[in-house]
């Protein structure tokens, strides 16, 4: 058996395959990857890359909104 709970299997896993927490992590990773790509591409933007840049920025904004919405949903409710 592995020391990592994520590698032991679905029954003992801390994060299920399709859990909201896992989705949040995946979106955060994709957002970070897009940030890096946009930063790298912005240094050498050519006219034919403008459409690609706009699409990446639009996807990054959509991811940010999805991440924020999911974080709100996962946040513990404060007692009244």
PDB file of N, CA and C in Angstrom:
ATOM      1  N   UNK A   1       0.821  -1.182   0.000  1.00  0.00           N
ATOM      2  CA  UNK A   1       0.000   0.000   0.000  1.00  0.00           C
ATOM      3  C   UNK A   1       0.866   1.246   0.000  1.00  0.00           C
ATOM      4  N   UNK A   2       0.360   2.297  -0.534  1.00  0.00           N
ATOM      5  CA  UNK A   2       1.083   3.560  -0.643  1.00  0.00           C
ATOM      6  C   UNK A   2       0.858   4.403   0.604  1.00  0.00           C
ATOM      7  N   UNK A   3       1.816   5.283   0.881  1.00  0.00           N
ATOM      8  CA  UNK A   3       1.658   6.209   1.997  1.00  0.00           C
ATOM      9  C   UNK A   3       0.701   7.338   1.653  1.00  0.00           C
ATOM     10  N   UNK A   4       0.512   7.601   0.383  1.00  0.00           N
ATOM     11  CA  UNK A   4      -0.352   8.698  -0.049  1.00  0.00           C
ATOM     12  C   UNK A   4      -1.797   8.238  -0.119  1.00  0.00           C
ATOM     13  N   UNK A   5      -2.717   8.962   0.551  1.00  0.00           N
ATOM     14  CA  UNK A   5      -4.123   8.564   0.508  1.00  0.00           C
ATOM     15  C   UNK A   5      -4.727   8.733  -0.877  1.00  0.00           C
ATOM     16  N   UNK A   6      -4.130   9.575  -1.730  1.00  0.00           N
ATOM     17  CA  UNK A   6      -4.676   9.781  -3.063  1.00  0.00           C
ATOM     18  C   UNK A   6      -4.369   8.618  -3.983  1.00  0.00           C
ATOM     19  N   UNK A   7      -3.422   7.779  -3.624  1.00  0.00           N
ATOM     20  CA  UNK A   7      -3.037   6.669  -4.484  1.00  0.00           C
ATOM     21  C   UNK A   7      -3.552   5.319  -4.001  1.00  0.00           C
ATOM     22  N   UNK A   8      -4.229   5.284  -2.885  1.00  0.00           N
ATOM     23  CA  UNK A   8      -4.693   4.020  -2.326  1.00  0.00           C
ATOM     24  C   UNK A   8      -5.968   3.503  -2.967  1.00  0.00           C
ATOM     25  N   UNK A   9      -6.680   4.327  -3.676  1.00  0.00           N
ATOM     26  CA  UNK A   9      -7.906   3.887  -4.314  1.00  0.00           C
ATOM     27  C   UNK A   9      -9.074   4.747  -3.902  1.00  0.00           C
ATOM     28  N   UNK A  10     -10.192   4.602  -4.602  1.00  0.00           N
ATOM     29  CA  UNK A  10     -11.337   5.465  -4.362  1.00  0.00           C
ATOM     30  C   UNK A  10     -11.947   5.322  -2.965  1.00  0.00           C
ATOM     31  N   UNK A  11     -11.889   4.165  -2.378  1.00  0.00           N
ATOM     32  CA  UNK A  11     -12.524   3.970  -1.077  1.00  0.00           C
ATOM     33  C   UNK A  11     -11.822   4.750   0.022  1.00  0.00           C
ATOM     34  N   UNK A  12     -10.498   4.856  -0.051  1.00  0.00           N
ATOM     35  CA  UNK A  12      -9.761   5.542   0.996  1.00  0.00           C
ATOM     36  C   UNK A  12      -9.218   6.890   0.546  1.00  0.00           C
ATOM     37  N   UNK A  13      -9.628   7.330  -0.619  1.00  0.00           N
ATOM     38  CA  UNK A  13      -9.104   8.570  -1.182  1.00  0.00           C
ATOM     39  C   UNK A  13      -9.642   9.785  -0.458  1.00  0.00           C
ATOM     40  N   UNK A  14      -8.755  10.770  -0.250  1.00  0.00           N
ATOM     41  CA  UNK A  14      -9.167  12.030   0.353  1.00  0.00           C
ATOM     42  C   UNK A  14      -9.964  12.875  -0.630  1.00  0.00           C
ATOM     43  N   UNK A  15      -9.667  12.757  -1.908  1.00  0.00           N
ATOM     44  CA  UNK A  15     -10.384  13.479  -2.952  1.00  0.00           C
ATOM     45  C   UNK A  15     -10.924  12.470  -3.953  1.00  0.00           C
ATOM     46  N   UNK A  16     -12.232  12.411  -4.068  1.00  0.00           N
ATOM     47  CA  UNK A  16     -12.834  11.496  -5.027  1.00  0.00           C
ATOM     48  C   UNK A  16     -12.571  11.985  -6.439  1.00  0.00           C
ATOM     49  N   UNK A  17     -12.718  11.086  -7.389  1.00  0.00           N
ATOM     50  CA  UNK A  17     -12.404  11.385  -8.781  1.00  0.00           C
ATOM     51  C   UNK A  17     -13.193  12.578  -9.322  1.00  0.00           C
ATOM     52  N   UNK A  18     -14.449  12.707  -8.949  1.00  0.00           N
ATOM     53  CA  UNK A  18     -15.294  13.769  -9.473  1.00  0.00           C
ATOM     54  C   UNK A  18     -15.785  14.701  -8.376  1.00  0.00           C
ATOM     55  N   UNK A  19     -15.054  14.844  -7.311  1.00  0.00           N
ATOM     56  CA  UNK A  19     -15.479  15.689  -6.211  1.00  0.00           C
ATOM     57  C   UNK A  19     -15.316  17.163  -6.569  1.00  0.00           C
ATOM     58  N   UNK A  20     -16.112  18.029  -5.958  1.00  0.00           N
ATOM     59  CA  UNK A  20     -15.969  19.468  -6.199  1.00  0.00           C
ATOM     60  C   UNK A  20     -14.580  19.983  -5.815  1.00  0.00           C
ATOM     61  N   UNK A  21     -13.985  19.421  -4.767  1.00  0.00           N
ATOM     62  CA  UNK A  21     -12.647  19.847  -4.360  1.00  0.00           C
ATOM     63  C   UNK A  21     -11.619  19.539  -5.447  1.00  0.00           C
ATOM     64  N   UNK A  22     -11.752  18.367  -6.049  1.00  0.00           N
ATOM     65  CA  UNK A  22     -10.831  17.998  -7.126  1.00  0.00           C
ATOM     66  C   UNK A  22     -11.045  18.886  -8.342  1.00  0.00           C
ATOM     67  N   UNK A  23     -12.304  19.171  -8.661  1.00  0.00           N
ATOM     68  CA  UNK A  23     -12.605  20.070  -9.787  1.00  0.00           C
ATOM     69  C   UNK A  23     -11.993  21.442  -9.544  1.00  0.00           C
ATOM     70  N   UNK A  24     -12.078  21.921  -8.309  1.00  0.00           N
ATOM     71  CA  UNK A  24     -11.503  23.212  -7.959  1.00  0.00           C
ATOM     72  C   UNK A  24      -9.995  23.208  -8.194  1.00  0.00           C
ATOM     73  N   UNK A  25      -9.331  22.165  -7.771  1.00  0.00           N
ATOM     74  CA  UNK A  25      -7.880  22.054  -7.961  1.00  0.00           C
ATOM     75  C   UNK A  25      -7.537  22.026  -9.453  1.00  0.00           C
ATOM     76  N   UNK A  26      -8.299  21.274 -10.232  1.00  0.00           N
ATOM     77  CA  UNK A  26      -8.033  21.198 -11.666  1.00  0.00           C
ATOM     78  C   UNK A  26      -8.216  22.556 -12.336  1.00  0.00           C
ATOM     79  N   UNK A  27      -9.275  23.293 -11.964  1.00  0.00           N
ATOM     80  CA  UNK A  27      -9.503  24.619 -12.525  1.00  0.00           C
ATOM     81  C   UNK A  27      -8.397  25.588 -12.116  1.00  0.00           C
ATOM     82  N   UNK A  28      -7.946  25.494 -10.876  1.00  0.00           N
ATOM     83  CA  UNK A  28      -6.864  26.371 -10.422  1.00  0.00           C
ATOM     84  C   UNK A  28      -5.573  26.081 -11.187  1.00  0.00           C
ATOM     85  N   UNK A  29      -5.307  24.819 -11.449  1.00  0.00           N
ATOM     86  CA  UNK A  29      -4.119  24.452 -12.220  1.00  0.00           C
ATOM     87  C   UNK A  29      -4.226  24.954 -13.659  1.00  0.00           C
ATOM     88  N   UNK A  30      -5.393  24.791 -14.263  1.00  0.00           N
ATOM     89  CA  UNK A  30      -5.597  25.269 -15.633  1.00  0.00           C
ATOM     90  C   UNK A  30      -5.458  26.796 -15.689  1.00  0.00           C
ATOM     91  N   UNK A  31      -5.994  27.489 -14.679  1.00  0.00           N
ATOM     92  CA  UNK A  31      -5.885  28.949 -14.612  1.00  0.00           C
ATOM     93  C   UNK A  31      -4.422  29.370 -14.516  1.00  0.00           C
ATOM     94  N   UNK A  32      -3.655  28.690 -13.680  1.00  0.00           N
ATOM     95  CA  UNK A  32      -2.226  29.007 -13.540  1.00  0.00           C
ATOM     96  C   UNK A  32      -1.483  28.738 -14.850  1.00  0.00           C
ATOM     97  N   UNK A  33      -1.826  27.647 -15.530  1.00  0.00           N
ATOM     98  CA  UNK A  33      -1.197  27.339 -16.814  1.00  0.00           C
ATOM     99  C   UNK A  33      -1.503  28.427 -17.851  1.00  0.00           C
ATOM    100  N   UNK A  34      -2.769  28.874 -17.880  1.00  0.00           N
ATOM    101  CA  UNK A  34      -3.137  29.935 -18.813  1.00  0.00           C
ATOM    102  C   UNK A  34      -2.404  31.231 -18.485  1.00  0.00           C
ATOM    103  N   UNK A  35      -2.264  31.548 -17.205  1.00  0.00           N
ATOM    104  CA  UNK A  35      -1.510  32.739 -16.808  1.00  0.00           C
ATOM    105  C   UNK A  35      -0.101  32.680 -17.376  1.00  0.00           C
ATOM    106  N   UNK A  36       0.539  31.546 -17.230  1.00  0.00           N
ATOM    107  CA  UNK A  36       1.905  31.389 -17.723  1.00  0.00           C
ATOM    108  C   UNK A  36       1.961  31.516 -19.243  1.00  0.00           C
ATOM    109  N   UNK A  37       1.018  30.884 -19.936  1.00  0.00           N
ATOM    110  CA  UNK A  37       0.982  30.970 -21.401  1.00  0.00           C
ATOM    111  C   UNK A  37       0.749  32.399 -21.873  1.00  0.00           C
ATOM    112  N   UNK A  38      -0.168  33.088 -21.212  1.00  0.00           N
ATOM    113  CA  UNK A  38      -0.476  34.464 -21.595  1.00  0.00           C
ATOM    114  C   UNK A  38       0.726  35.369 -21.348  1.00  0.00           C
ATOM    115  N   UNK A  39       1.372  35.205 -20.210  1.00  0.00           N
ATOM    116  CA  UNK A  39       2.569  36.001 -19.913  1.00  0.00           C
ATOM    117  C   UNK A  39       3.659  35.753 -20.944  1.00  0.00           C
ATOM    118  N   UNK A  40       3.857  34.502 -21.285  1.00  0.00           N
ATOM    119  CA  UNK A  40       4.894  34.139 -22.255  1.00  0.00           C
ATOM    120  C   UNK A  40       4.547  34.678 -23.640  1.00  0.00           C
ATOM    121  N   UNK A  41       3.285  34.528 -24.045  1.00  0.00           N
ATOM    122  CA  UNK A  41       2.877  34.948 -25.379  1.00  0.00           C
ATOM    123  C   UNK A  41       2.799  36.463 -25.504  1.00  0.00           C
ATOM    124  N   UNK A  42       2.517  37.172 -24.415  1.00  0.00           N
ATOM    125  CA  UNK A  42       2.388  38.623 -24.499  1.00  0.00           C
ATOM    126  C   UNK A  42       3.715  39.296 -24.828  1.00  0.00           C
ATOM    127  N   UNK A  43       4.807  38.627 -24.578  1.00  0.00           N
ATOM    128  CA  UNK A  43       6.115  39.183 -24.901  1.00  0.00           C
ATOM    129  C   UNK A  43       6.377  39.161 -26.405  1.00  0.00           C
ATOM    130  N   UNK A  44       5.720  38.263 -27.109  1.00  0.00           N
ATOM    131  CA  UNK A  44       5.971  38.119 -28.548  1.00  0.00           C
ATOM    132  C   UNK A  44       4.677  38.063 -29.352  1.00  0.00           C
ATOM    133  N   UNK A  45       3.734  38.968 -29.069  1.00  0.00           N
ATOM    134  CA  UNK A  45       2.447  38.951 -29.772  1.00  0.00           C
ATOM    135  C   UNK A  45       2.629  39.444 -31.199  1.00  0.00           C
ATOM    136  N   UNK A  46       2.150  38.650 -32.118  1.00  0.00           N
ATOM    137  CA  UNK A  46       2.111  39.041 -33.519  1.00  0.00           C
ATOM    138  C   UNK A  46       0.650  39.197 -33.915  1.00  0.00           C
ATOM    139  N   UNK A  47       0.364  39.902 -34.985  1.00  0.00           N
ATOM    140  CA  UNK A  47      -1.043  40.133 -35.359  1.00  0.00           C
ATOM    141  C   UNK A  47      -1.881  38.859 -35.486  1.00  0.00           C
ATOM    142  N   UNK A  48      -1.308  37.771 -35.961  1.00  0.00           N
ATOM    143  CA  UNK A  48      -2.101  36.546 -36.115  1.00  0.00           C
ATOM    144  C   UNK A  48      -2.306  35.827 -34.780  1.00  0.00           C
ATOM    145  N   UNK A  49      -1.598  36.240 -33.737  1.00  0.00           N
ATOM    146  CA  UNK A  49      -1.770  35.640 -32.411  1.00  0.00           C
ATOM    147  C   UNK A  49      -2.789  36.382 -31.544  1.00  0.00           C
ATOM    148  N   UNK A  50      -3.283  37.526 -32.017  1.00  0.00           N
ATOM    149  CA  UNK A  50      -4.211  38.310 -31.210  1.00  0.00           C
ATOM    150  C   UNK A  50      -5.492  37.537 -30.895  1.00  0.00           C
ATOM    151  N   UNK A  51      -6.014  36.826 -31.863  1.00  0.00           N
ATOM    152  CA  UNK A  51      -7.225  36.033 -31.636  1.00  0.00           C
ATOM    153  C   UNK A  51      -6.961  34.948 -30.607  1.00  0.00           C
ATOM    154  N   UNK A  52      -5.818  34.297 -30.715  1.00  0.00           N
ATOM    155  CA  UNK A  52      -5.443  33.255 -29.742  1.00  0.00           C
ATOM    156  C   UNK A  52      -5.333  33.842 -28.338  1.00  0.00           C
ATOM    157  N   UNK A  53      -4.719  35.032 -28.237  1.00  0.00           N
ATOM    158  CA  UNK A  53      -4.575  35.699 -26.940  1.00  0.00           C
ATOM    159  C   UNK A  53      -5.946  36.043 -26.351  1.00  0.00           C
ATOM    160  N   UNK A  54      -6.834  36.571 -27.183  1.00  0.00           N
ATOM    161  CA  UNK A  54      -8.177  36.919 -26.694  1.00  0.00           C
ATOM    162  C   UNK A  54      -8.915  35.680 -26.205  1.00  0.00           C
ATOM    163  N   UNK A  55      -8.767  34.578 -26.913  1.00  0.00           N
ATOM    164  CA  UNK A  55      -9.421  33.336 -26.497  1.00  0.00           C
ATOM    165  C   UNK A  55      -8.856  32.820 -25.170  1.00  0.00           C
ATOM    166  N   UNK A  56      -7.539  32.885 -25.018  1.00  0.00           N
ATOM    167  CA  UNK A  56      -6.925  32.438 -23.763  1.00  0.00           C
ATOM    168  C   UNK A  56      -7.364  33.322 -22.598  1.00  0.00           C
ATOM    169  N   UNK A  57      -7.414  34.625 -22.829  1.00  0.00           N
ATOM    170  CA  UNK A  57      -7.827  35.546 -21.767  1.00  0.00           C
ATOM    171  C   UNK A  57      -9.294  35.342 -21.398  1.00  0.00           C
ATOM    172  N   UNK A  58     -10.120  35.076 -22.402  1.00  0.00           N
ATOM    173  CA  UNK A  58     -11.540  34.819 -22.142  1.00  0.00           C
ATOM    174  C   UNK A  58     -11.710  33.533 -21.328  1.00  0.00           C
ATOM    175  N   UNK A  59     -10.960  32.504 -21.680  1.00  0.00           N
ATOM    176  CA  UNK A  59     -11.013  31.236 -20.939  1.00  0.00           C
ATOM    177  C   UNK A  59     -10.526  31.434 -19.511  1.00  0.00           C
ATOM    178  N   UNK A  60      -9.456  32.237 -19.346  1.00  0.00           N
ATOM    179  CA  UNK A  60      -8.921  32.503 -18.013  1.00  0.00           C
ATOM    180  C   UNK A  60      -9.962  33.215 -17.147  1.00  0.00           C
ATOM    181  N   UNK A  61     -10.670  34.194 -17.714  1.00  0.00           N
ATOM    182  CA  UNK A  61     -11.714  34.893 -16.960  1.00  0.00           C
ATOM    183  C   UNK A  61     -12.869  33.956 -16.590  1.00  0.00           C
ATOM    184  N   UNK A  62     -13.240  33.095 -17.534  1.00  0.00           N
ATOM    185  CA  UNK A  62     -14.312  32.133 -17.255  1.00  0.00           C
ATOM    186  C   UNK A  62     -13.895  31.182 -16.133  1.00  0.00           C
ATOM    187  N   UNK A  63     -12.649  30.737 -16.170  1.00  0.00           N
ATOM    188  CA  UNK A  63     -12.150  29.858 -15.108  1.00  0.00           C
ATOM    189  C   UNK A  63     -12.165  30.569 -13.764  1.00  0.00           C
ATOM    190  N   UNK A  64     -11.746  31.838 -13.757  1.00  0.00           N
ATOM    191  CA  UNK A  64     -11.739  32.599 -12.506  1.00  0.00           C
ATOM    192  C   UNK A  64     -13.147  32.675 -11.920  1.00  0.00           C
ATOM    193  N   UNK A  65     -14.139  32.920 -12.779  1.00  0.00           N
ATOM    194  CA  UNK A  65     -15.527  32.981 -12.319  1.00  0.00           C
ATOM    195  C   UNK A  65     -16.005  31.623 -11.798  1.00  0.00           C
ATOM    196  N   UNK A  66     -15.638  30.547 -12.503  1.00  0.00           N
ATOM    197  CA  UNK A  66     -16.026  29.203 -12.063  1.00  0.00           C
ATOM    198  C   UNK A  66     -15.377  28.868 -10.717  1.00  0.00           C
ATOM    199  N   UNK A  67     -14.112  29.225 -10.569  1.00  0.00           N
ATOM    200  CA  UNK A  67     -13.389  28.957  -9.326  1.00  0.00           C
ATOM    201  C   UNK A  67     -14.048  29.704  -8.176  1.00  0.00           C
ATOM    202  N   UNK A  68     -14.361  30.977  -8.389  1.00  0.00           N
ATOM    203  CA  UNK A  68     -14.986  31.785  -7.333  1.00  0.00           C
ATOM    204  C   UNK A  68     -16.343  31.214  -6.934  1.00  0.00           C
ATOM    205  N   UNK A  69     -17.143  30.816  -7.922  1.00  0.00           N
ATOM    206  CA  UNK A  69     -18.464  30.262  -7.632  1.00  0.00           C
ATOM    207  C   UNK A  69     -18.357  28.953  -6.852  1.00  0.00           C
ATOM    208  N   UNK A  70     -17.418  28.103  -7.247  1.00  0.00           N
ATOM    209  CA  UNK A  70     -17.244  26.825  -6.561  1.00  0.00           C
ATOM    210  C   UNK A  70     -16.704  27.034  -5.148  1.00  0.00           C
ATOM    211  N   UNK A  71     -15.799  27.979  -4.969  1.00  0.00           N
ATOM    212  CA  UNK A  71     -15.283  28.274  -3.633  1.00  0.00           C
ATOM    213  C   UNK A  71     -16.395  28.762  -2.716  1.00  0.00           C
ATOM    214  N   UNK A  72     -17.301  29.575  -3.238  1.00  0.00           N
ATOM    215  CA  UNK A  72     -18.437  30.035  -2.434  1.00  0.00           C
ATOM    216  C   UNK A  72     -19.327  28.864  -2.040  1.00  0.00           C
ATOM    217  N   UNK A  73     -19.534  27.957  -2.991  1.00  0.00           N
ATOM    218  CA  UNK A  73     -20.377  26.781  -2.718  1.00  0.00           C
ATOM    219  C   UNK A  73     -19.748  25.865  -1.684  1.00  0.00           C
ATOM    220  N   UNK A  74     -18.424  25.770  -1.710  1.00  0.00           N
ATOM    221  CA  UNK A  74     -17.725  24.858  -0.789  1.00  0.00           C
ATOM    222  C   UNK A  74     -17.441  25.493   0.566  1.00  0.00           C
ATOM    223  N   UNK A  75     -17.548  26.819   0.653  1.00  0.00           N
ATOM    224  CA  UNK A  75     -17.244  27.494   1.908  1.00  0.00           C
ATOM    225  C   UNK A  75     -18.235  27.060   2.977  1.00  0.00           C
ATOM    226  N   UNK A  76     -17.730  26.827   4.190  1.00  0.00           N
ATOM    227  CA  UNK A  76     -18.651  26.422   5.263  1.00  0.00           C
ATOM    228  C   UNK A  76     -19.620  27.555   5.579  1.00  0.00           C
ATOM    229  N   UNK A  77     -20.838  27.174   5.852  1.00  0.00           N
ATOM    230  CA  UNK A  77     -21.870  28.141   6.190  1.00  0.00           C
ATOM    231  C   UNK A  77     -21.637  28.631   7.623  1.00  0.00           C
ATOM    232  N   UNK A  78     -21.728  29.935   7.798  1.00  0.00           N
ATOM    233  CA  UNK A  78     -21.563  30.479   9.142  1.00  0.00           C
ATOM    234  C   UNK A  78     -22.874  30.312   9.906  1.00  0.00           C
ATOM    235  N   UNK A  79     -22.755  30.011  11.183  1.00  0.00           N
ATOM    236  CA  UNK A  79     -23.974  29.860  11.981  1.00  0.00           C
ATOM    237  C   UNK A  79     -24.699  31.197  12.095  1.00  0.00           C
ATOM    238  N   UNK A  80     -26.007  31.122  12.129  1.00  0.00           N
ATOM    239  CA  UNK A  80     -26.830  32.345  12.209  1.00  0.00           C
ATOM    240  C   UNK A  80     -26.745  32.996  13.567  1.00  0.00           C
TER     241      UNK A  80
END
